[in-house]
């Protein structure tokens, strides 16, 4: 009926569905990691050749990140996601600015 570890307990997904609390549940849990990555990539692509800084990515994603996390935890989460995206080759970083990697077909 609940998820998480004490003291950070939340209702379970099934209970949220049954009690019509899905919006609140999703806000507390945040979006799935892959969806956050997609949104971050779209934002970085929209920044174009100028690129964007991590804090602007965090601000853009603020409403989609887990509400139960502290500001520092969400900053770390976005930093980890950007690092994953860099390892995958979809973004690059130079001088604290993130750029979309252009694919050459």
Protein backbone atom coordinates (compact mmCIF):
# COMPACT_ATOMS: atom_id res chain seq x y z
CA UNK A 1 0.00 0.00 0.00
CA UNK A 2 3.00 2.29 0.45
CA UNK A 3 6.36 2.70 -1.26
CA UNK A 4 9.72 3.94 -0.07
CA UNK A 5 11.53 3.79 3.21
CA UNK A 6 10.62 5.50 6.44
CA UNK A 7 10.34 8.49 6.77
CA UNK A 8 9.90 9.00 3.00
CA UNK A 9 6.82 6.86 2.47
CA UNK A 10 4.35 7.48 -0.33
CA UNK A 11 1.20 5.70 -1.41
CA UNK A 12 1.69 2.95 -3.96
CA UNK A 13 0.83 3.37 -7.63
CA UNK A 14 -2.12 0.99 -7.37
CA UNK A 15 -3.58 2.93 -4.44
CA UNK A 16 -3.01 6.22 -6.27
CA UNK A 17 -4.96 4.85 -9.24
CA UNK A 18 -7.82 3.54 -7.10
CA UNK A 19 -8.14 6.75 -5.11
CA UNK A 20 -7.70 9.01 -8.14
CA UNK A 21 -4.51 10.56 -6.74
CA UNK A 22 -2.37 9.81 -9.78
CA UNK A 23 -1.35 13.46 -10.43
CA UNK A 24 -0.11 13.84 -6.85
CA UNK A 25 1.62 10.45 -6.97
CA UNK A 26 3.42 11.32 -10.21
CA UNK A 27 4.49 14.71 -8.83
CA UNK A 28 5.97 13.12 -5.71
CA UNK A 29 7.67 10.28 -7.59
CA UNK A 30 8.71 12.34 -10.61
CA UNK A 31 8.75 11.13 -14.18
CA UNK A 32 10.62 8.04 -15.27
CA UNK A 33 14.32 8.55 -15.89
CA UNK A 34 14.02 7.92 -19.65
CA UNK A 35 11.35 10.60 -19.98
CA UNK A 36 13.52 13.08 -18.06
CA UNK A 37 16.41 12.24 -20.39
CA UNK A 38 14.21 12.86 -23.44
CA UNK A 39 13.07 16.20 -22.07
CA UNK A 40 16.63 17.24 -21.20
CA UNK A 41 17.84 16.30 -24.68
CA UNK A 42 15.03 18.27 -26.32
CA UNK A 43 15.86 21.30 -24.18
CA UNK A 44 19.57 21.08 -25.05
CA UNK A 45 18.76 20.65 -28.74
CA UNK A 46 16.51 23.71 -28.59
CA UNK A 47 19.41 25.71 -27.12
CA UNK A 48 21.18 25.23 -30.44
CA UNK A 49 24.79 26.20 -31.04
CA UNK A 50 24.89 28.38 -27.92
CA UNK A 51 24.25 25.37 -25.69
CA UNK A 52 22.91 25.64 -22.16
CA UNK A 53 24.13 25.35 -18.60
CA UNK A 54 23.08 22.64 -16.17
CA UNK A 55 21.14 25.07 -13.97
CA UNK A 56 18.88 25.97 -16.91
CA UNK A 57 18.24 22.27 -17.59
CA UNK A 58 17.37 21.81 -13.92
CA UNK A 59 15.00 24.78 -14.00
CA UNK A 60 13.30 23.41 -17.13
CA UNK A 61 12.89 19.97 -15.54
CA UNK A 62 11.95 21.27 -12.06
CA UNK A 63 8.27 20.26 -12.25
CA UNK A 64 9.10 16.77 -13.54
CA UNK A 65 11.70 15.87 -10.91
CA UNK A 66 10.65 14.02 -7.75
CA UNK A 67 9.07 16.49 -5.32
CA UNK A 68 10.22 14.36 -2.38
CA UNK A 69 13.88 15.00 -3.28
CA UNK A 70 15.84 17.92 -1.89
CA UNK A 71 17.17 20.55 -4.25
CA UNK A 72 20.63 19.00 -3.95
CA UNK A 73 19.31 15.51 -4.73
CA UNK A 74 17.58 16.77 -7.88
CA UNK A 75 20.73 18.66 -8.92
CA UNK A 76 22.70 15.42 -8.52
CA UNK A 77 20.02 13.48 -10.43
CA UNK A 78 20.16 15.87 -13.38
CA UNK A 79 23.96 15.87 -13.28
CA UNK A 80 23.96 12.06 -13.40
CA UNK A 81 21.47 12.06 -16.28
CA UNK A 82 23.59 14.54 -18.24
CA UNK A 83 26.68 12.39 -17.60
CA UNK A 84 24.79 9.31 -18.88
CA UNK A 85 23.71 11.22 -21.96
CA UNK A 86 27.30 12.29 -22.53
CA UNK A 87 28.51 8.69 -22.23
CA UNK A 88 25.82 7.68 -24.74
CA UNK A 89 27.04 10.36 -27.12
CA UNK A 90 23.84 12.42 -27.33
CA UNK A 91 25.32 15.49 -25.60
CA UNK A 92 28.73 16.98 -24.93
CA UNK A 93 30.01 19.43 -22.35
CA UNK A 94 32.55 22.20 -22.74
CA UNK A 95 33.25 24.87 -20.11
CA UNK A 96 30.14 24.00 -18.07
CA UNK A 97 27.93 24.34 -21.14
CA UNK A 98 26.01 21.41 -22.61
CA UNK A 99 25.51 20.93 -26.35
CA UNK A 100 23.52 18.42 -28.37
CA UNK A 101 25.66 16.12 -30.42
CA UNK A 102 24.83 16.37 -34.09
CA UNK A 103 24.49 13.03 -35.82
CA UNK A 104 26.20 12.70 -39.17
CA UNK A 105 24.21 10.33 -41.36
